Amino acid sequence: MTLLDTTGRPHVCVTPHSHECILTDSAVFCARVSQNGWTALIEAARVGSVELVQLLLKKDASIESTNKMGWTALIEACRNAHFDAIKTLVEVGHSNVSHRDRVRSTWRQH
């Protein structure tokens, strides 16, 4: 995963779930979302990459996107105990803390 391009070129990140995103000054262009609904933001939260979570939020990545289980980036951060990512998603991204997944669990129950 490459987080930042220090030469001023567009940032490129490739996640383990084969998402490919090009980050420019104005937008996030996700070339792929996996069959299971994984986005770059969900993956960044899953692995606890606060720097990438912040960058994706800054570029208006959808904070409320869910995978097929109904898990948001916030739920993935909780499931993997990435407390700094949780804090970023709630405080910076204003993540919906009332969201429930497909089995009606909230982020606090994960």
C-alpha atoms as a PDB file:
ATOM      1  CA  MET A   1       0.000   0.000   0.000  1.00  0.00           C
ATOM      2  CA  THR A   2       1.483   3.330  -1.030  1.00  0.00           C
ATOM      3  CA  LEU A   3       0.032   6.137   1.029  1.00  0.00           C
ATOM      4  CA  LEU A   4       1.693   9.265  -0.256  1.00  0.00           C
ATOM      5  CA  ASP A   5       3.550  10.359  -3.343  1.00  0.00           C
ATOM      6  CA  THR A   6       6.036  12.974  -2.199  1.00  0.00           C
ATOM      7  CA  THR A   7       6.816  14.111  -5.759  1.00  0.00           C
ATOM      8  CA  GLY A   8       3.484  15.905  -6.143  1.00  0.00           C
ATOM      9  CA  ARG A   9       2.014  13.298  -8.498  1.00  0.00           C
ATOM     10  CA  PRO A  10      -1.424  11.794  -7.777  1.00  0.00           C
ATOM     11  CA  HIS A  11      -1.392   9.480  -4.780  1.00  0.00           C
ATOM     12  CA  VAL A  12      -2.022   5.831  -5.527  1.00  0.00           C
ATOM     13  CA  CYS A  13      -3.051   3.225  -2.995  1.00  0.00           C
ATOM     14  CA  VAL A  14      -3.598  -0.442  -3.618  1.00  0.00           C
ATOM     15  CA  THR A  15      -5.186  -2.461  -0.842  1.00  0.00           C
ATOM     16  CA  PRO A  16      -5.010  -6.202  -0.223  1.00  0.00           C
ATOM     17  CA  HIS A  17      -8.582  -6.593  -1.499  1.00  0.00           C
ATOM     18  CA  SER A  18      -7.487  -5.247  -4.910  1.00  0.00           C
ATOM     19  CA  HIS A  19      -9.009  -1.797  -4.673  1.00  0.00           C
ATOM     20  CA  GLU A  20      -7.141   0.729  -6.695  1.00  0.00           C
ATOM     21  CA  CYS A  21      -7.667   4.393  -6.025  1.00  0.00           C
ATOM     22  CA  ILE A  22      -6.134   7.479  -7.526  1.00  0.00           C
ATOM     23  CA  LEU A  23      -6.269  10.412  -5.168  1.00  0.00           C
ATOM     24  CA  THR A  24      -6.057  13.873  -6.671  1.00  0.00           C
ATOM     25  CA  ASP A  25      -6.455  17.307  -5.155  1.00  0.00           C
ATOM     26  CA  SER A  26     -10.171  17.354  -5.936  1.00  0.00           C
ATOM     27  CA  ALA A  27     -11.572  13.840  -5.607  1.00  0.00           C
ATOM     28  CA  VAL A  28     -11.137  10.166  -4.907  1.00  0.00           C
ATOM     29  CA  PHE A  29     -11.575   7.933  -7.906  1.00  0.00           C
ATOM     30  CA  CYS A  30     -11.943   4.310  -6.879  1.00  0.00           C
ATOM     31  CA  ALA A  31     -11.329   2.122  -9.872  1.00  0.00           C
ATOM     32  CA  ARG A  32     -12.672  -0.951  -8.109  1.00  0.00           C
ATOM     33  CA  VAL A  33     -14.918  -1.979  -5.294  1.00  0.00           C
ATOM     34  CA  SER A  34     -14.746  -5.674  -4.526  1.00  0.00           C
ATOM     35  CA  GLN A  35     -17.622  -8.089  -5.091  1.00  0.00           C
ATOM     36  CA  ASN A  36     -18.269  -7.983  -1.357  1.00  0.00           C
ATOM     37  CA  GLY A  37     -18.585  -4.204  -1.316  1.00  0.00           C
ATOM     38  CA  TRP A  38     -15.159  -3.411   0.138  1.00  0.00           C
ATOM     39  CA  THR A  39     -14.073   0.171  -0.513  1.00  0.00           C
ATOM     40  CA  ALA A  40     -10.653   1.703   0.028  1.00  0.00           C
ATOM     41  CA  LEU A  41     -11.954   3.455   3.169  1.00  0.00           C
ATOM     42  CA  ILE A  42     -13.311   0.221   4.651  1.00  0.00           C
ATOM     43  CA  GLU A  43      -9.995  -1.503   3.928  1.00  0.00           C
ATOM     44  CA  ALA A  44      -7.944   1.364   5.373  1.00  0.00           C
ATOM     45  CA  ALA A  45     -10.040   1.201   8.557  1.00  0.00           C
ATOM     46  CA  ARG A  46      -9.715  -2.594   8.688  1.00  0.00           C
ATOM     47  CA  VAL A  47      -5.924  -2.416   8.667  1.00  0.00           C
ATOM     48  CA  GLY A  48      -5.824   0.635  10.954  1.00  0.00           C
ATOM     49  CA  SER A  49      -4.139   3.031   8.538  1.00  0.00           C
ATOM     50  CA  VAL A  50      -5.132   6.335  10.143  1.00  0.00           C
ATOM     51  CA  GLU A  51      -3.091   8.296   7.608  1.00  0.00           C
ATOM     52  CA  LEU A  52      -4.982   6.731   4.696  1.00  0.00           C
ATOM     53  CA  VAL A  53      -8.349   7.033   6.484  1.00  0.00           C
ATOM     54  CA  GLN A  54      -7.685  10.763   6.963  1.00  0.00           C
ATOM     55  CA  LEU A  55      -6.613  11.199   3.362  1.00  0.00           C
ATOM     56  CA  LEU A  56      -9.654   9.370   1.994  1.00  0.00           C
ATOM     57  CA  LEU A  57     -12.003  11.383   4.225  1.00  0.00           C
ATOM     58  CA  LYS A  58     -10.335  14.597   3.124  1.00  0.00           C
ATOM     59  CA  LYS A  59     -11.012  13.563  -0.478  1.00  0.00           C
ATOM     60  CA  ASP A  60     -14.704  12.899   0.305  1.00  0.00           C
ATOM     61  CA  ALA A  61     -14.697   9.109   0.369  1.00  0.00           C
ATOM     62  CA  SER A  62     -18.138   7.833   1.328  1.00  0.00           C
ATOM     63  CA  ILE A  63     -18.085   7.285   5.093  1.00  0.00           C
ATOM     64  CA  GLU A  64     -21.366   5.354   5.039  1.00  0.00           C
ATOM     65  CA  SER A  65     -20.519   2.810   2.330  1.00  0.00           C
ATOM     66  CA  THR A  66     -21.095  -0.750   3.499  1.00  0.00           C
ATOM     67  CA  ASN A  67     -19.885  -4.143   2.425  1.00  0.00           C
ATOM     68  CA  LYS A  68     -22.257  -7.077   1.912  1.00  0.00           C
ATOM     69  CA  MET A  69     -22.358  -7.721   5.660  1.00  0.00           C
ATOM     70  CA  GLY A  70     -23.511  -4.147   6.209  1.00  0.00           C
ATOM     71  CA  TRP A  71     -20.203  -3.209   7.823  1.00  0.00           C
ATOM     72  CA  THR A  72     -18.981   0.365   7.489  1.00  0.00           C
ATOM     73  CA  ALA A  73     -15.413   1.571   7.896  1.00  0.00           C
ATOM     74  CA  LEU A  74     -16.258   2.291  11.548  1.00  0.00           C
ATOM     75  CA  ILE A  75     -17.382  -1.287  12.174  1.00  0.00           C
ATOM     76  CA  GLU A  76     -14.229  -2.652  10.509  1.00  0.00           C
ATOM     77  CA  ALA A  77     -12.024  -0.421  12.657  1.00  0.00           C
ATOM     78  CA  CYS A  78     -13.883  -1.663  15.761  1.00  0.00           C
ATOM     79  CA  ARG A  79     -13.705  -5.319  14.767  1.00  0.00           C
ATOM     80  CA  ASN A  80      -9.930  -4.989  14.557  1.00  0.00           C
ATOM     81  CA  ALA A  81      -9.438  -2.752  17.622  1.00  0.00           C
ATOM     82  CA  HIS A  82      -7.899   0.156  15.695  1.00  0.00           C
ATOM     83  CA  PHE A  83      -8.755   2.850  18.220  1.00  0.00           C
ATOM     84  CA  ASP A  84      -7.060   5.740  16.407  1.00  0.00           C
ATOM     85  CA  ALA A  85      -8.955   4.874  13.215  1.00  0.00           C
ATOM     86  CA  ILE A  86     -12.216   4.707  15.221  1.00  0.00           C
ATOM     87  CA  LYS A  87     -11.542   8.136  16.693  1.00  0.00           C
ATOM     88  CA  THR A  88     -10.764   9.569  13.242  1.00  0.00           C
ATOM     89  CA  LEU A  89     -13.881   8.083  11.654  1.00  0.00           C
ATOM     90  CA  VAL A  90     -16.127   9.453  14.405  1.00  0.00           C
ATOM     91  CA  GLU A  91     -14.511  12.840  15.002  1.00  0.00           C
ATOM     92  CA  VAL A  92     -13.291  13.756  11.522  1.00  0.00           C
ATOM     93  CA  GLY A  93     -15.608  11.712   9.334  1.00  0.00           C
ATOM     94  CA  HIS A  94     -18.704  12.104  11.487  1.00  0.00           C
ATOM     95  CA  SER A  95     -19.474   8.431  10.987  1.00  0.00           C
ATOM     96  CA  ASN A  96     -23.045   7.356  11.710  1.00  0.00           C
ATOM     97  CA  VAL A  97     -22.741   5.755  15.142  1.00  0.00           C
ATOM     98  CA  SER A  98     -26.367   4.557  14.951  1.00  0.00           C
ATOM     99  CA  HIS A  99     -25.738   2.371  11.887  1.00  0.00           C
ATOM    100  CA  ARG A 100     -26.613  -1.316  12.274  1.00  0.00           C
ATOM    101  CA  ASP A 101     -25.232  -4.109  10.114  1.00  0.00           C
ATOM    102  CA  ARG A 102     -27.258  -6.923   8.525  1.00  0.00           C
ATOM    103  CA  VAL A 103     -27.681  -8.737  11.851  1.00  0.00           C
ATOM    104  CA  ARG A 104     -28.667  -5.460  13.571  1.00  0.00           C
ATOM    105  CA  SER A 105     -25.380  -5.012  15.480  1.00  0.00           C
ATOM    106  CA  THR A 106     -23.953  -1.549  16.067  1.00  0.00           C
ATOM    107  CA  TRP A 107     -20.267  -0.642  15.890  1.00  0.00           C
ATOM    108  CA  ARG A 108     -20.062  -0.903  19.693  1.00  0.00           C
ATOM    109  CA  GLN A 109     -21.139  -4.549  19.552  1.00  0.00           C
ATOM    110  CA  HIS A 110     -18.291  -5.490  17.258  1.00  0.00           C
END
